[in-house]
Amino acid sequence: MPEDERRVIFEKSIAVQIMAIDGTWARPCTLKEISDNGATLVIETSVQGLNLKEFFLLLSSTGLAYRRCELDWMNGDQMGVNFLHQRGKPKKPSPGHV
């Protein structure tokens, strides 16, 4: 994540999952920090051999809150992901901005 980007760093990590776009695999992980453009995760099990080109970050146990991601970097059990924004759909402005 860029240094000047606003991000939220969690004192206690939040349990989340990463899941294949087609649903063929899922792995538990914890969310360390998040911003508008990406997140840092701690992976609990091996991701070796998985296609991390594009996948979902499930932020809720029901799967109703999620982000489409791509792998940015990997260092041991930590993973940086970039959020992929929908093409052709402009981002909503922040509250208070017109």
N, C-alpha and C. Protein backbone atom coordinates (compact mmCIF):
# COMPACT_ATOMS: atom_id res chain seq x y z
N MET A 1 0.83 -1.17 0.00
CA MET A 1 0.00 0.00 0.00
C MET A 1 0.88 1.24 0.00
N PRO A 2 0.52 2.26 -0.77
CA PRO A 2 1.31 3.49 -0.77
C PRO A 2 1.33 4.13 0.61
N GLU A 3 2.42 4.79 0.92
CA GLU A 3 2.61 5.40 2.24
C GLU A 3 1.55 6.45 2.57
N ASP A 4 1.12 7.24 1.57
CA ASP A 4 0.18 8.33 1.83
C ASP A 4 -1.28 7.89 1.83
N GLU A 5 -1.53 6.61 1.61
CA GLU A 5 -2.89 6.08 1.56
C GLU A 5 -3.43 5.90 2.98
N ARG A 6 -4.66 6.35 3.20
CA ARG A 6 -5.29 6.15 4.51
C ARG A 6 -5.65 4.69 4.67
N ARG A 7 -5.31 4.12 5.79
CA ARG A 7 -5.60 2.72 6.04
C ARG A 7 -5.98 2.51 7.49
N VAL A 8 -6.65 1.42 7.75
CA VAL A 8 -7.06 1.05 9.09
C VAL A 8 -6.22 -0.15 9.50
N ILE A 9 -5.51 -0.01 10.63
CA ILE A 9 -4.69 -1.10 11.17
C ILE A 9 -5.43 -1.64 12.39
N PHE A 10 -5.74 -2.93 12.37
CA PHE A 10 -6.50 -3.54 13.45
C PHE A 10 -5.58 -3.98 14.57
N GLU A 11 -5.94 -3.61 15.80
CA GLU A 11 -5.18 -4.03 16.96
C GLU A 11 -5.28 -5.55 17.12
N LYS A 12 -6.50 -6.05 16.93
CA LYS A 12 -6.73 -7.50 16.96
C LYS A 12 -7.20 -7.88 15.57
N SER A 13 -6.49 -8.78 14.93
CA SER A 13 -6.82 -9.17 13.55
C SER A 13 -8.22 -9.76 13.46
N ILE A 14 -8.83 -9.60 12.30
CA ILE A 14 -10.19 -10.06 12.05
C ILE A 14 -10.15 -11.31 11.17
N ALA A 15 -10.92 -12.34 11.55
CA ALA A 15 -10.97 -13.58 10.78
C ALA A 15 -11.73 -13.36 9.48
N VAL A 16 -11.09 -13.70 8.35
CA VAL A 16 -11.68 -13.60 7.02
C VAL A 16 -11.27 -14.84 6.23
N GLN A 17 -11.66 -14.91 4.97
CA GLN A 17 -11.25 -16.01 4.09
C GLN A 17 -10.92 -15.47 2.71
N ILE A 18 -10.03 -16.17 2.03
CA ILE A 18 -9.85 -15.93 0.60
C ILE A 18 -10.47 -17.12 -0.11
N MET A 19 -11.07 -16.87 -1.29
CA MET A 19 -11.75 -17.94 -2.01
C MET A 19 -11.57 -17.75 -3.51
N ALA A 20 -11.41 -18.84 -4.22
CA ALA A 20 -11.28 -18.81 -5.68
C ALA A 20 -12.53 -18.19 -6.29
N ILE A 21 -12.36 -17.53 -7.43
CA ILE A 21 -13.48 -16.93 -8.14
C ILE A 21 -14.55 -17.98 -8.46
N ASP A 22 -14.12 -19.20 -8.78
CA ASP A 22 -15.08 -20.26 -9.12
C ASP A 22 -15.49 -21.09 -7.90
N GLY A 23 -14.99 -20.73 -6.70
CA GLY A 23 -15.38 -21.41 -5.48
C GLY A 23 -14.72 -22.75 -5.23
N THR A 24 -13.70 -23.12 -6.01
CA THR A 24 -13.08 -24.44 -5.88
C THR A 24 -12.16 -24.57 -4.67
N TRP A 25 -11.70 -23.46 -4.10
CA TRP A 25 -10.88 -23.51 -2.90
C TRP A 25 -11.15 -22.30 -2.02
N ALA A 26 -10.87 -22.44 -0.75
CA ALA A 26 -10.97 -21.33 0.21
C ALA A 26 -9.92 -21.56 1.29
N ARG A 27 -9.38 -20.49 1.83
CA ARG A 27 -8.38 -20.59 2.88
C ARG A 27 -8.68 -19.56 3.97
N PRO A 28 -8.61 -19.98 5.25
CA PRO A 28 -8.81 -19.03 6.34
C PRO A 28 -7.59 -18.11 6.47
N CYS A 29 -7.84 -16.88 6.85
CA CYS A 29 -6.75 -15.93 7.10
C CYS A 29 -7.27 -14.84 8.03
N THR A 30 -6.38 -13.96 8.43
CA THR A 30 -6.78 -12.84 9.27
C THR A 30 -6.42 -11.54 8.58
N LEU A 31 -7.23 -10.54 8.81
CA LEU A 31 -7.05 -9.22 8.22
C LEU A 31 -6.29 -8.35 9.19
N LYS A 32 -5.09 -7.90 8.79
CA LYS A 32 -4.27 -7.04 9.63
C LYS A 32 -4.56 -5.57 9.42
N GLU A 33 -4.67 -5.18 8.13
CA GLU A 33 -4.94 -3.78 7.80
C GLU A 33 -5.65 -3.71 6.46
N ILE A 34 -6.36 -2.59 6.26
CA ILE A 34 -7.14 -2.45 5.04
C ILE A 34 -7.21 -0.98 4.65
N SER A 35 -7.34 -0.74 3.34
CA SER A 35 -7.52 0.61 2.81
C SER A 35 -8.54 0.52 1.67
N ASP A 36 -8.77 1.62 0.99
CA ASP A 36 -9.68 1.61 -0.16
C ASP A 36 -9.16 0.74 -1.29
N ASN A 37 -7.83 0.59 -1.39
CA ASN A 37 -7.24 -0.08 -2.53
C ASN A 37 -6.67 -1.46 -2.26
N GLY A 38 -6.55 -1.87 -0.99
CA GLY A 38 -5.95 -3.17 -0.72
C GLY A 38 -5.95 -3.52 0.76
N ALA A 39 -5.30 -4.64 1.06
CA ALA A 39 -5.26 -5.13 2.44
C ALA A 39 -4.02 -5.98 2.66
N THR A 40 -3.70 -6.17 3.93
CA THR A 40 -2.64 -7.09 4.34
C THR A 40 -3.29 -8.21 5.12
N LEU A 41 -3.00 -9.45 4.72
CA LEU A 41 -3.59 -10.63 5.34
C LEU A 41 -2.50 -11.52 5.91
N VAL A 42 -2.84 -12.29 6.92
CA VAL A 42 -1.97 -13.34 7.45
C VAL A 42 -2.65 -14.66 7.09
N ILE A 43 -1.96 -15.48 6.31
CA ILE A 43 -2.50 -16.74 5.82
C ILE A 43 -2.27 -17.83 6.86
N GLU A 44 -3.30 -18.62 7.15
CA GLU A 44 -3.20 -19.65 8.19
C GLU A 44 -2.77 -21.01 7.66
N THR A 45 -2.98 -21.26 6.36
CA THR A 45 -2.58 -22.54 5.76
C THR A 45 -1.87 -22.24 4.44
N SER A 46 -1.28 -23.25 3.85
CA SER A 46 -0.51 -23.07 2.62
C SER A 46 -1.40 -22.62 1.46
N VAL A 47 -0.85 -21.71 0.65
CA VAL A 47 -1.53 -21.28 -0.57
C VAL A 47 -0.72 -21.70 -1.80
N GLN A 48 0.29 -22.52 -1.56
CA GLN A 48 1.14 -22.99 -2.65
C GLN A 48 0.31 -23.74 -3.68
N GLY A 49 0.51 -23.40 -4.94
CA GLY A 49 -0.18 -24.06 -6.04
C GLY A 49 -1.55 -23.46 -6.37
N LEU A 50 -2.02 -22.49 -5.57
CA LEU A 50 -3.32 -21.88 -5.85
C LEU A 50 -3.15 -20.73 -6.84
N ASN A 51 -4.17 -20.53 -7.67
CA ASN A 51 -4.16 -19.42 -8.61
C ASN A 51 -4.57 -18.15 -7.86
N LEU A 52 -3.60 -17.28 -7.58
CA LEU A 52 -3.88 -16.05 -6.84
C LEU A 52 -3.91 -14.84 -7.76
N LYS A 53 -4.06 -15.09 -9.07
CA LYS A 53 -4.17 -13.99 -10.03
C LYS A 53 -5.40 -13.15 -9.72
N GLU A 54 -6.52 -13.82 -9.42
CA GLU A 54 -7.76 -13.14 -9.08
C GLU A 54 -8.57 -14.04 -8.17
N PHE A 55 -9.05 -13.49 -7.05
CA PHE A 55 -9.79 -14.25 -6.06
C PHE A 55 -10.64 -13.30 -5.22
N PHE A 56 -11.47 -13.86 -4.35
CA PHE A 56 -12.30 -13.05 -3.46
C PHE A 56 -11.72 -13.02 -2.06
N LEU A 57 -11.85 -11.88 -1.40
CA LEU A 57 -11.59 -11.74 0.03
C LEU A 57 -12.97 -11.65 0.67
N LEU A 58 -13.36 -12.69 1.42
CA LEU A 58 -14.67 -12.72 2.07
C LEU A 58 -14.55 -12.07 3.43
N LEU A 59 -15.25 -10.96 3.61
CA LEU A 59 -15.15 -10.18 4.84
C LEU A 59 -16.21 -10.56 5.87
N SER A 60 -17.19 -11.38 5.46
CA SER A 60 -18.22 -11.83 6.39
C SER A 60 -18.42 -13.34 6.24
N SER A 61 -18.93 -13.96 7.28
CA SER A 61 -19.12 -15.42 7.25
C SER A 61 -20.21 -15.83 6.26
N THR A 62 -21.13 -14.92 5.94
CA THR A 62 -22.20 -15.24 4.99
C THR A 62 -21.78 -14.98 3.55
N GLY A 63 -20.64 -14.31 3.35
CA GLY A 63 -20.17 -14.02 2.00
C GLY A 63 -20.82 -12.80 1.38
N LEU A 64 -21.63 -12.06 2.14
CA LEU A 64 -22.32 -10.90 1.59
C LEU A 64 -21.41 -9.68 1.48
N ALA A 65 -20.33 -9.64 2.23
CA ALA A 65 -19.36 -8.55 2.13
C ALA A 65 -18.06 -9.15 1.61
N TYR A 66 -17.65 -8.72 0.42
CA TYR A 66 -16.44 -9.28 -0.18
C TYR A 66 -15.80 -8.25 -1.10
N ARG A 67 -14.55 -8.52 -1.46
CA ARG A 67 -13.81 -7.71 -2.43
C ARG A 67 -13.12 -8.64 -3.39
N ARG A 68 -13.10 -8.26 -4.65
CA ARG A 68 -12.36 -9.01 -5.67
C ARG A 68 -10.92 -8.53 -5.59
N CYS A 69 -9.96 -9.47 -5.55
CA CYS A 69 -8.55 -9.14 -5.28
C CYS A 69 -7.60 -9.78 -6.28
N GLU A 70 -6.37 -9.27 -6.24
CA GLU A 70 -5.24 -9.90 -6.90
C GLU A 70 -4.07 -9.84 -5.93
N LEU A 71 -3.18 -10.80 -6.03
CA LEU A 71 -1.99 -10.84 -5.18
C LEU A 71 -1.05 -9.71 -5.56
N ASP A 72 -0.58 -8.96 -4.56
CA ASP A 72 0.40 -7.90 -4.78
C ASP A 72 1.78 -8.39 -4.35
N TRP A 73 1.89 -8.96 -3.14
CA TRP A 73 3.16 -9.47 -2.63
C TRP A 73 2.90 -10.57 -1.60
N MET A 74 3.93 -11.36 -1.36
CA MET A 74 3.87 -12.45 -0.38
C MET A 74 5.18 -12.45 0.38
N ASN A 75 5.13 -12.54 1.71
CA ASN A 75 6.32 -12.59 2.54
C ASN A 75 6.02 -13.51 3.72
N GLY A 76 6.49 -14.75 3.62
CA GLY A 76 6.21 -15.74 4.67
C GLY A 76 4.72 -16.02 4.73
N ASP A 77 4.11 -15.78 5.90
CA ASP A 77 2.67 -16.04 6.03
C ASP A 77 1.84 -14.77 5.80
N GLN A 78 2.48 -13.68 5.39
CA GLN A 78 1.75 -12.44 5.12
C GLN A 78 1.58 -12.22 3.62
N MET A 79 0.43 -11.67 3.26
CA MET A 79 0.10 -11.46 1.86
C MET A 79 -0.50 -10.06 1.70
N GLY A 80 -0.02 -9.34 0.69
CA GLY A 80 -0.62 -8.05 0.34
C GLY A 80 -1.49 -8.25 -0.87
N VAL A 81 -2.71 -7.71 -0.83
CA VAL A 81 -3.62 -7.84 -1.96
C VAL A 81 -4.07 -6.45 -2.42
N ASN A 82 -4.32 -6.34 -3.71
CA ASN A 82 -4.92 -5.14 -4.29
C ASN A 82 -6.36 -5.46 -4.61
N PHE A 83 -7.25 -4.50 -4.35
CA PHE A 83 -8.65 -4.68 -4.71
C PHE A 83 -8.84 -4.32 -6.16
N LEU A 84 -9.58 -5.15 -6.88
CA LEU A 84 -9.90 -4.91 -8.28
C LEU A 84 -11.26 -4.23 -8.33
N HIS A 85 -11.31 -3.04 -8.90
CA HIS A 85 -12.55 -2.29 -8.98
C HIS A 85 -13.27 -2.63 -10.27
N GLN A 86 -14.59 -2.64 -10.22
CA GLN A 86 -15.39 -2.97 -11.38
C GLN A 86 -15.11 -1.99 -12.51
N ARG A 87 -14.90 -2.51 -13.70
CA ARG A 87 -14.64 -1.66 -14.86
C ARG A 87 -15.92 -0.95 -15.28
N GLY A 88 -15.76 0.31 -15.66
CA GLY A 88 -16.88 1.06 -16.17
C GLY A 88 -17.82 1.60 -15.10
N LYS A 89 -17.60 1.25 -13.86
CA LYS A 89 -18.46 1.73 -12.78
C LYS A 89 -17.64 2.69 -11.92
N PRO A 90 -17.96 3.99 -11.95
CA PRO A 90 -17.16 4.95 -11.19
C PRO A 90 -17.29 4.71 -9.69
N LYS A 91 -16.19 5.00 -8.97
CA LYS A 91 -16.22 4.88 -7.52
C LYS A 91 -17.12 5.96 -6.95
N LYS A 92 -17.85 5.63 -5.90
CA LYS A 92 -18.70 6.60 -5.23
C LYS A 92 -17.82 7.61 -4.50
N PRO A 93 -18.18 8.89 -4.55
CA PRO A 93 -17.39 9.88 -3.81
C PRO A 93 -17.55 9.68 -2.31
N SER A 94 -16.55 10.10 -1.57
CA SER A 94 -16.60 10.01 -0.12
C SER A 94 -17.72 10.90 0.42
N PRO A 95 -18.32 10.53 1.55
CA PRO A 95 -19.36 11.38 2.14
C PRO A 95 -18.82 12.79 2.38
N GLY A 96 -19.63 13.78 2.09
CA GLY A 96 -19.21 15.16 2.29
C GLY A 96 -18.57 15.79 1.07
N HIS A 97 -18.28 15.00 0.02
CA HIS A 97 -17.70 15.53 -1.21
C HIS A 97 -18.78 15.56 -2.29
N VAL A 98 -18.89 16.67 -2.94
CA VAL A 98 -19.91 16.81 -3.99
C VAL A 98 -19.25 16.90 -5.34
